[in-house]
C-alpha cells in the first residue's frame, strides 16, 4: 500500500479499489492471453459498462493487498469478472464485479461473440465459472 493511496486516517480511498480491479483484469489478461492487446489485434475494444464494489473492511497504509480475479462464462459478447481483495492476513477487504462489452474500433456494439473470444472460451472452458 502506497502513501498516496490513503487519506489522513491512513485508510485507502474507496476509488482506488477500481484501480485494483483493473490491475486484476490486466494480470488475468497476461496470464490467459486475453489482454487488451489481443482484443485490439482482433479489431475490437472492450469498454467497461458496469462495476460493483462491496466494501467489507478498510485497507490501511502498509497493507499488502492481493486481488483474486475470475472470469465467469456469460452468454453474449461480454466479459464478466469477479474480484476479491484481501490483505496479507487473508482478511477480505472488498469484493466486486465488472462487465465489459465488445465494440468494434469505431464504437459499434458487437452483438455476437467475436471469433477470437469463442476460441478463448473453447480453450478455457474448464477454467470458467458459470454465471
N, C-alpha and C. Protein backbone atom coordinates (compact mmCIF):
# COMPACT_ATOMS: atom_id res chain seq x y z
N UNK A 1 0.84 -1.16 0.00
CA UNK A 1 0.00 0.00 0.00
C UNK A 1 0.89 1.23 0.00
N UNK A 2 0.68 2.10 -0.94
CA UNK A 2 1.49 3.32 -1.08
C UNK A 2 0.82 4.47 -0.34
N UNK A 3 1.62 5.38 0.15
CA UNK A 3 1.12 6.51 0.92
C UNK A 3 0.13 7.39 0.16
N UNK A 4 0.30 7.52 -1.15
CA UNK A 4 -0.59 8.38 -1.92
C UNK A 4 -2.00 7.80 -2.07
N UNK A 5 -2.19 6.55 -1.68
CA UNK A 5 -3.49 5.90 -1.82
C UNK A 5 -4.36 6.03 -0.57
N UNK A 6 -3.81 6.59 0.49
CA UNK A 6 -4.55 6.66 1.75
C UNK A 6 -4.86 8.11 2.13
N UNK A 7 -5.88 8.25 2.98
CA UNK A 7 -6.26 9.57 3.47
C UNK A 7 -5.53 9.88 4.77
N UNK A 8 -5.91 10.95 5.44
CA UNK A 8 -5.25 11.37 6.67
C UNK A 8 -5.38 10.34 7.78
N UNK A 9 -6.39 9.49 7.70
CA UNK A 9 -6.57 8.44 8.71
C UNK A 9 -5.85 7.15 8.34
N UNK A 10 -5.08 7.20 7.22
CA UNK A 10 -4.30 6.07 6.72
C UNK A 10 -5.19 4.94 6.17
N UNK A 11 -6.38 5.32 5.73
CA UNK A 11 -7.32 4.37 5.12
C UNK A 11 -7.34 4.60 3.62
N UNK A 12 -7.37 3.52 2.86
CA UNK A 12 -7.38 3.63 1.40
C UNK A 12 -8.66 4.29 0.92
N UNK A 13 -8.52 5.27 0.05
CA UNK A 13 -9.67 5.95 -0.56
C UNK A 13 -10.44 4.95 -1.41
N UNK A 14 -11.75 4.99 -1.33
CA UNK A 14 -12.60 3.98 -1.99
C UNK A 14 -12.40 3.91 -3.50
N UNK A 15 -12.09 4.99 -4.15
CA UNK A 15 -11.91 4.99 -5.60
C UNK A 15 -10.74 4.16 -6.08
N UNK A 16 -9.77 3.93 -5.21
CA UNK A 16 -8.60 3.14 -5.61
C UNK A 16 -8.95 1.67 -5.85
N UNK A 17 -10.05 1.21 -5.28
CA UNK A 17 -10.42 -0.20 -5.48
C UNK A 17 -10.70 -0.48 -6.95
N UNK A 18 -11.20 0.50 -7.70
CA UNK A 18 -11.41 0.30 -9.13
C UNK A 18 -10.08 0.11 -9.85
N UNK A 19 -9.05 0.81 -9.39
CA UNK A 19 -7.71 0.62 -9.95
C UNK A 19 -7.21 -0.78 -9.63
N UNK A 20 -7.47 -1.27 -8.44
CA UNK A 20 -7.05 -2.62 -8.09
C UNK A 20 -7.78 -3.65 -8.95
N UNK A 21 -9.05 -3.43 -9.22
CA UNK A 21 -9.78 -4.32 -10.13
C UNK A 21 -9.13 -4.31 -11.52
N UNK A 22 -8.78 -3.13 -12.00
CA UNK A 22 -8.14 -3.01 -13.31
C UNK A 22 -6.81 -3.77 -13.33
N UNK A 23 -6.05 -3.67 -12.26
CA UNK A 23 -4.80 -4.41 -12.18
C UNK A 23 -5.07 -5.91 -12.21
N UNK A 24 -6.15 -6.34 -11.57
CA UNK A 24 -6.53 -7.75 -11.60
C UNK A 24 -6.91 -8.20 -13.00
N UNK A 25 -7.68 -7.38 -13.72
CA UNK A 25 -8.05 -7.72 -15.11
C UNK A 25 -6.82 -7.76 -16.00
N UNK A 26 -5.90 -6.84 -15.81
CA UNK A 26 -4.68 -6.81 -16.61
C UNK A 26 -3.84 -8.06 -16.36
N UNK A 27 -3.70 -8.46 -15.10
CA UNK A 27 -2.95 -9.67 -14.77
C UNK A 27 -3.63 -10.90 -15.36
N UNK A 28 -4.96 -10.94 -15.28
CA UNK A 28 -5.72 -12.05 -15.87
C UNK A 28 -5.44 -12.12 -17.37
N UNK A 29 -5.48 -10.98 -18.05
CA UNK A 29 -5.24 -10.93 -19.48
C UNK A 29 -3.85 -11.43 -19.85
N UNK A 30 -2.85 -11.05 -19.06
CA UNK A 30 -1.48 -11.53 -19.31
C UNK A 30 -1.40 -13.05 -19.13
N UNK A 31 -1.99 -13.54 -18.06
CA UNK A 31 -1.90 -14.97 -17.75
C UNK A 31 -2.62 -15.84 -18.78
N UNK A 32 -3.76 -15.37 -19.26
CA UNK A 32 -4.59 -16.19 -20.15
C UNK A 32 -4.59 -15.71 -21.60
N UNK A 33 -3.70 -14.80 -21.93
CA UNK A 33 -3.62 -14.26 -23.31
C UNK A 33 -4.95 -13.69 -23.78
N UNK A 34 -5.59 -12.94 -22.90
CA UNK A 34 -6.83 -12.24 -23.24
C UNK A 34 -6.72 -10.80 -22.74
N UNK A 35 -5.61 -10.19 -23.06
CA UNK A 35 -5.38 -8.81 -22.64
C UNK A 35 -5.89 -7.84 -23.68
N UNK A 36 -5.75 -6.58 -23.36
CA UNK A 36 -6.22 -5.53 -24.26
C UNK A 36 -5.50 -5.60 -25.61
N UNK A 37 -4.23 -6.04 -25.61
CA UNK A 37 -3.50 -6.16 -26.86
C UNK A 37 -4.16 -7.19 -27.78
N UNK A 38 -4.54 -8.35 -27.23
CA UNK A 38 -5.17 -9.39 -28.03
C UNK A 38 -6.55 -8.95 -28.52
N UNK A 39 -7.28 -8.26 -27.68
CA UNK A 39 -8.61 -7.79 -28.06
C UNK A 39 -8.49 -6.76 -29.20
N UNK A 40 -7.55 -5.86 -29.06
CA UNK A 40 -7.32 -4.85 -30.09
C UNK A 40 -6.84 -5.48 -31.39
N UNK A 41 -5.96 -6.47 -31.30
CA UNK A 41 -5.46 -7.15 -32.50
C UNK A 41 -6.59 -7.86 -33.25
N UNK A 42 -7.65 -8.21 -32.54
CA UNK A 42 -8.81 -8.86 -33.17
C UNK A 42 -9.80 -7.84 -33.74
N UNK A 43 -9.44 -6.54 -33.64
CA UNK A 43 -10.29 -5.50 -34.21
C UNK A 43 -11.41 -5.03 -33.28
N UNK A 44 -11.24 -5.29 -31.99
CA UNK A 44 -12.26 -4.90 -31.01
C UNK A 44 -11.63 -4.10 -29.87
N UNK A 45 -12.48 -3.48 -29.11
CA UNK A 45 -12.13 -2.93 -27.80
C UNK A 45 -13.18 -3.45 -26.83
N UNK A 46 -12.91 -3.32 -25.54
CA UNK A 46 -13.81 -3.86 -24.53
C UNK A 46 -14.03 -2.83 -23.42
N UNK A 47 -14.89 -1.85 -23.67
CA UNK A 47 -15.13 -0.83 -22.64
C UNK A 47 -15.89 -1.39 -21.44
N UNK A 48 -15.56 -0.86 -20.31
CA UNK A 48 -16.23 -1.19 -19.06
C UNK A 48 -17.60 -0.53 -19.06
N UNK A 49 -18.66 -1.31 -18.79
CA UNK A 49 -20.01 -0.74 -18.77
C UNK A 49 -20.68 -0.87 -17.40
N UNK A 50 -20.11 -1.69 -16.53
CA UNK A 50 -20.71 -1.84 -15.19
C UNK A 50 -19.62 -2.29 -14.21
N UNK A 51 -19.69 -1.73 -13.02
CA UNK A 51 -18.79 -2.16 -11.95
C UNK A 51 -19.54 -2.04 -10.62
N UNK A 52 -19.32 -3.02 -9.76
CA UNK A 52 -19.91 -3.01 -8.42
C UNK A 52 -18.82 -3.32 -7.41
N UNK A 53 -18.89 -2.68 -6.25
CA UNK A 53 -17.93 -2.94 -5.19
C UNK A 53 -18.67 -3.04 -3.87
N UNK A 54 -18.36 -4.08 -3.11
CA UNK A 54 -18.81 -4.20 -1.73
C UNK A 54 -17.58 -4.00 -0.85
N UNK A 55 -17.62 -2.98 -0.01
CA UNK A 55 -16.51 -2.68 0.88
C UNK A 55 -16.74 -3.45 2.17
N UNK A 56 -15.84 -4.37 2.50
CA UNK A 56 -16.04 -5.27 3.63
C UNK A 56 -15.25 -4.85 4.86
N UNK A 57 -14.05 -4.33 4.65
CA UNK A 57 -13.19 -3.86 5.74
C UNK A 57 -12.19 -2.88 5.12
N UNK A 58 -11.71 -1.91 5.89
CA UNK A 58 -10.80 -0.93 5.30
C UNK A 58 -9.39 -1.48 5.09
N UNK A 59 -8.82 -1.14 3.95
CA UNK A 59 -7.39 -1.35 3.73
C UNK A 59 -6.69 -0.14 4.30
N UNK A 60 -5.54 -0.36 4.91
CA UNK A 60 -4.82 0.74 5.54
C UNK A 60 -3.38 0.80 5.05
N UNK A 61 -2.74 1.90 5.37
CA UNK A 61 -1.36 2.13 4.95
C UNK A 61 -0.49 0.95 5.39
N UNK A 62 0.30 0.44 4.46
CA UNK A 62 1.23 -0.64 4.76
C UNK A 62 0.66 -2.03 4.49
N UNK A 63 -0.65 -2.13 4.25
CA UNK A 63 -1.22 -3.44 3.93
C UNK A 63 -0.68 -3.95 2.61
N UNK A 64 -0.41 -5.23 2.56
CA UNK A 64 -0.05 -5.90 1.31
C UNK A 64 -1.33 -6.51 0.77
N UNK A 65 -1.79 -6.00 -0.37
CA UNK A 65 -3.08 -6.42 -0.91
C UNK A 65 -2.91 -7.46 -2.01
N UNK A 66 -3.88 -8.34 -2.09
CA UNK A 66 -3.93 -9.34 -3.15
C UNK A 66 -5.30 -9.22 -3.82
N UNK A 67 -5.31 -9.31 -5.15
CA UNK A 67 -6.56 -9.25 -5.91
C UNK A 67 -6.74 -10.58 -6.62
N UNK A 68 -7.79 -11.31 -6.27
CA UNK A 68 -8.13 -12.55 -6.98
C UNK A 68 -9.17 -12.16 -8.03
N UNK A 69 -8.88 -12.46 -9.28
CA UNK A 69 -9.75 -12.10 -10.40
C UNK A 69 -10.19 -13.37 -11.10
N UNK A 70 -11.49 -13.48 -11.31
CA UNK A 70 -12.04 -14.64 -12.02
C UNK A 70 -12.95 -14.16 -13.13
N UNK A 71 -12.87 -14.86 -14.26
CA UNK A 71 -13.80 -14.59 -15.35
C UNK A 71 -14.91 -15.63 -15.26
N UNK A 72 -16.11 -15.18 -15.50
CA UNK A 72 -17.28 -16.06 -15.47
C UNK A 72 -17.84 -16.18 -16.87
N UNK A 73 -18.18 -17.40 -17.24
CA UNK A 73 -18.80 -17.64 -18.54
C UNK A 73 -20.14 -16.92 -18.58
N UNK A 74 -20.34 -16.14 -19.60
CA UNK A 74 -21.58 -15.38 -19.74
C UNK A 74 -22.10 -15.57 -21.16
N UNK A 75 -23.40 -15.47 -21.29
CA UNK A 75 -23.95 -15.52 -22.64
C UNK A 75 -23.69 -14.17 -23.30
N UNK A 76 -23.50 -14.20 -24.58
CA UNK A 76 -23.30 -12.96 -25.31
C UNK A 76 -21.85 -12.55 -25.42
N UNK A 77 -21.67 -11.40 -26.04
CA UNK A 77 -20.34 -10.86 -26.33
C UNK A 77 -19.93 -9.92 -25.21
N UNK A 78 -19.53 -10.49 -24.08
CA UNK A 78 -19.15 -9.67 -22.93
C UNK A 78 -18.17 -10.41 -22.05
N UNK A 79 -17.49 -9.66 -21.23
CA UNK A 79 -16.54 -10.18 -20.26
C UNK A 79 -17.10 -9.90 -18.87
N UNK A 80 -17.35 -10.94 -18.11
CA UNK A 80 -17.84 -10.82 -16.73
C UNK A 80 -16.73 -11.26 -15.78
N UNK A 81 -16.31 -10.36 -14.91
CA UNK A 81 -15.27 -10.66 -13.93
C UNK A 81 -15.80 -10.48 -12.52
N UNK A 82 -15.22 -11.25 -11.59
CA UNK A 82 -15.44 -11.00 -10.17
C UNK A 82 -14.08 -10.84 -9.52
N UNK A 83 -14.07 -10.15 -8.39
CA UNK A 83 -12.83 -9.79 -7.70
C UNK A 83 -12.99 -10.00 -6.20
N UNK A 84 -11.90 -10.38 -5.57
CA UNK A 84 -11.83 -10.40 -4.12
C UNK A 84 -10.49 -9.82 -3.74
N UNK A 85 -10.52 -8.77 -2.94
CA UNK A 85 -9.29 -8.13 -2.46
C UNK A 85 -9.10 -8.52 -1.01
N UNK A 86 -7.91 -9.06 -0.71
CA UNK A 86 -7.59 -9.47 0.65
C UNK A 86 -6.29 -8.80 1.08
N UNK A 87 -6.08 -8.79 2.40
CA UNK A 87 -4.81 -8.27 2.91
C UNK A 87 -3.86 -9.44 3.16
N UNK A 88 -2.68 -9.15 3.66
CA UNK A 88 -1.67 -10.17 3.89
C UNK A 88 -2.08 -11.25 4.87
N UNK A 89 -3.03 -10.94 5.74
CA UNK A 89 -3.52 -11.92 6.71
C UNK A 89 -4.68 -12.75 6.14
N UNK A 90 -5.07 -12.46 4.90
CA UNK A 90 -6.17 -13.19 4.29
C UNK A 90 -7.54 -12.61 4.58
N UNK A 91 -7.58 -11.46 5.22
CA UNK A 91 -8.86 -10.82 5.55
C UNK A 91 -9.47 -10.22 4.29
N UNK A 92 -10.74 -10.51 4.04
CA UNK A 92 -11.43 -9.96 2.88
C UNK A 92 -11.72 -8.48 3.10
N UNK A 93 -11.26 -7.64 2.16
CA UNK A 93 -11.43 -6.20 2.28
C UNK A 93 -12.50 -5.67 1.34
N UNK A 94 -12.58 -6.23 0.14
CA UNK A 94 -13.57 -5.78 -0.84
C UNK A 94 -13.85 -6.91 -1.82
N UNK A 95 -15.08 -6.94 -2.30
CA UNK A 95 -15.48 -7.89 -3.34
C UNK A 95 -16.24 -7.09 -4.38
N UNK A 96 -16.16 -7.54 -5.61
CA UNK A 96 -16.86 -6.79 -6.64
C UNK A 96 -16.96 -7.56 -7.94
N UNK A 97 -17.51 -6.86 -8.92
CA UNK A 97 -17.68 -7.45 -10.24
C UNK A 97 -17.64 -6.34 -11.29
N UNK A 98 -17.39 -6.76 -12.52
CA UNK A 98 -17.41 -5.80 -13.62
C UNK A 98 -17.89 -6.51 -14.88
N UNK A 99 -18.42 -5.70 -15.80
CA UNK A 99 -18.87 -6.18 -17.10
C UNK A 99 -18.25 -5.28 -18.16
N UNK A 100 -17.68 -5.92 -19.17
CA UNK A 100 -17.17 -5.22 -20.34
C UNK A 100 -17.88 -5.80 -21.55
N UNK A 101 -18.16 -4.97 -22.52
CA UNK A 101 -18.76 -5.44 -23.77
C UNK A 101 -17.73 -5.26 -24.88
N UNK A 102 -17.94 -5.96 -25.97
CA UNK A 102 -17.07 -5.79 -27.12
C UNK A 102 -17.68 -4.77 -28.07
N UNK A 103 -16.83 -3.90 -28.58
CA UNK A 103 -17.24 -2.99 -29.64
C UNK A 103 -16.20 -3.06 -30.74
N UNK A 104 -16.61 -2.66 -31.92
CA UNK A 104 -15.64 -2.50 -33.00
C UNK A 104 -14.83 -1.25 -32.71
N UNK A 105 -13.78 -1.06 -33.45
CA UNK A 105 -12.89 0.09 -33.20
C UNK A 105 -13.61 1.43 -33.33
N UNK A 106 -14.68 1.49 -34.14
CA UNK A 106 -15.43 2.73 -34.30
C UNK A 106 -16.50 2.93 -33.23
N UNK A 107 -16.58 1.98 -32.28
CA UNK A 107 -17.54 2.10 -31.19
C UNK A 107 -18.83 1.34 -31.39
N UNK A 108 -19.00 0.69 -32.54
CA UNK A 108 -20.21 -0.08 -32.81
C UNK A 108 -20.24 -1.31 -31.90
N UNK A 109 -21.34 -1.50 -31.19
CA UNK A 109 -21.50 -2.63 -30.29
C UNK A 109 -21.48 -3.94 -31.07
N UNK A 110 -20.71 -4.90 -30.59
CA UNK A 110 -20.64 -6.23 -31.17
C UNK A 110 -21.69 -7.09 -30.46
N UNK A 111 -22.62 -7.64 -31.21
CA UNK A 111 -23.75 -8.36 -30.61
C UNK A 111 -23.52 -9.86 -30.46
N UNK A 112 -22.59 -10.40 -31.21
CA UNK A 112 -22.27 -11.82 -31.08
C UNK A 112 -20.80 -11.95 -30.70
N UNK A 113 -20.47 -13.06 -30.09
CA UNK A 113 -19.09 -13.25 -29.64
C UNK A 113 -18.13 -13.21 -30.82
N UNK A 114 -17.10 -12.40 -30.74
CA UNK A 114 -16.09 -12.38 -31.79
C UNK A 114 -15.39 -13.75 -31.86
N UNK A 115 -14.92 -14.14 -33.05
CA UNK A 115 -14.28 -15.45 -33.20
C UNK A 115 -13.11 -15.68 -32.22
N UNK A 116 -12.28 -14.67 -31.99
CA UNK A 116 -11.16 -14.86 -31.06
C UNK A 116 -11.65 -15.18 -29.66
N UNK A 117 -12.78 -14.60 -29.27
CA UNK A 117 -13.33 -14.85 -27.93
C UNK A 117 -13.97 -16.23 -27.86
N UNK A 118 -14.63 -16.65 -28.92
CA UNK A 118 -15.17 -18.03 -28.98
C UNK A 118 -14.03 -19.03 -28.81
N UNK A 119 -12.91 -18.80 -29.50
CA UNK A 119 -11.76 -19.70 -29.37
C UNK A 119 -11.24 -19.69 -27.93
N UNK A 120 -11.13 -18.51 -27.36
CA UNK A 120 -10.66 -18.41 -25.97
C UNK A 120 -11.56 -19.21 -25.04
N UNK A 121 -12.87 -19.05 -25.17
CA UNK A 121 -13.80 -19.76 -24.31
C UNK A 121 -13.70 -21.27 -24.50
N UNK A 122 -13.57 -21.73 -25.74
CA UNK A 122 -13.45 -23.16 -26.01
C UNK A 122 -12.17 -23.73 -25.39
N UNK A 123 -11.09 -23.00 -25.51
CA UNK A 123 -9.80 -23.46 -24.98
C UNK A 123 -9.75 -23.42 -23.46
N UNK A 124 -10.57 -22.59 -22.85
CA UNK A 124 -10.52 -22.41 -21.39
C UNK A 124 -11.80 -22.80 -20.68
N UNK A 125 -12.64 -23.60 -21.33
CA UNK A 125 -13.96 -23.95 -20.77
C UNK A 125 -13.83 -24.55 -19.37
N UNK A 126 -12.83 -25.35 -19.12
CA UNK A 126 -12.66 -25.98 -17.82
C UNK A 126 -12.28 -25.02 -16.72
N UNK A 127 -11.80 -23.84 -17.08
CA UNK A 127 -11.37 -22.86 -16.09
C UNK A 127 -12.45 -21.83 -15.76
N UNK A 128 -13.49 -21.76 -16.60
CA UNK A 128 -14.53 -20.76 -16.40
C UNK A 128 -15.51 -21.19 -15.32
N UNK A 129 -15.96 -20.22 -14.58
CA UNK A 129 -17.02 -20.45 -13.60
C UNK A 129 -18.33 -19.98 -14.21
N UNK A 130 -19.34 -20.76 -14.03
CA UNK A 130 -20.66 -20.37 -14.57
C UNK A 130 -21.20 -19.18 -13.80
N UNK A 131 -21.89 -18.29 -14.57
CA UNK A 131 -22.59 -17.15 -14.00
C UNK A 131 -21.77 -16.34 -13.15
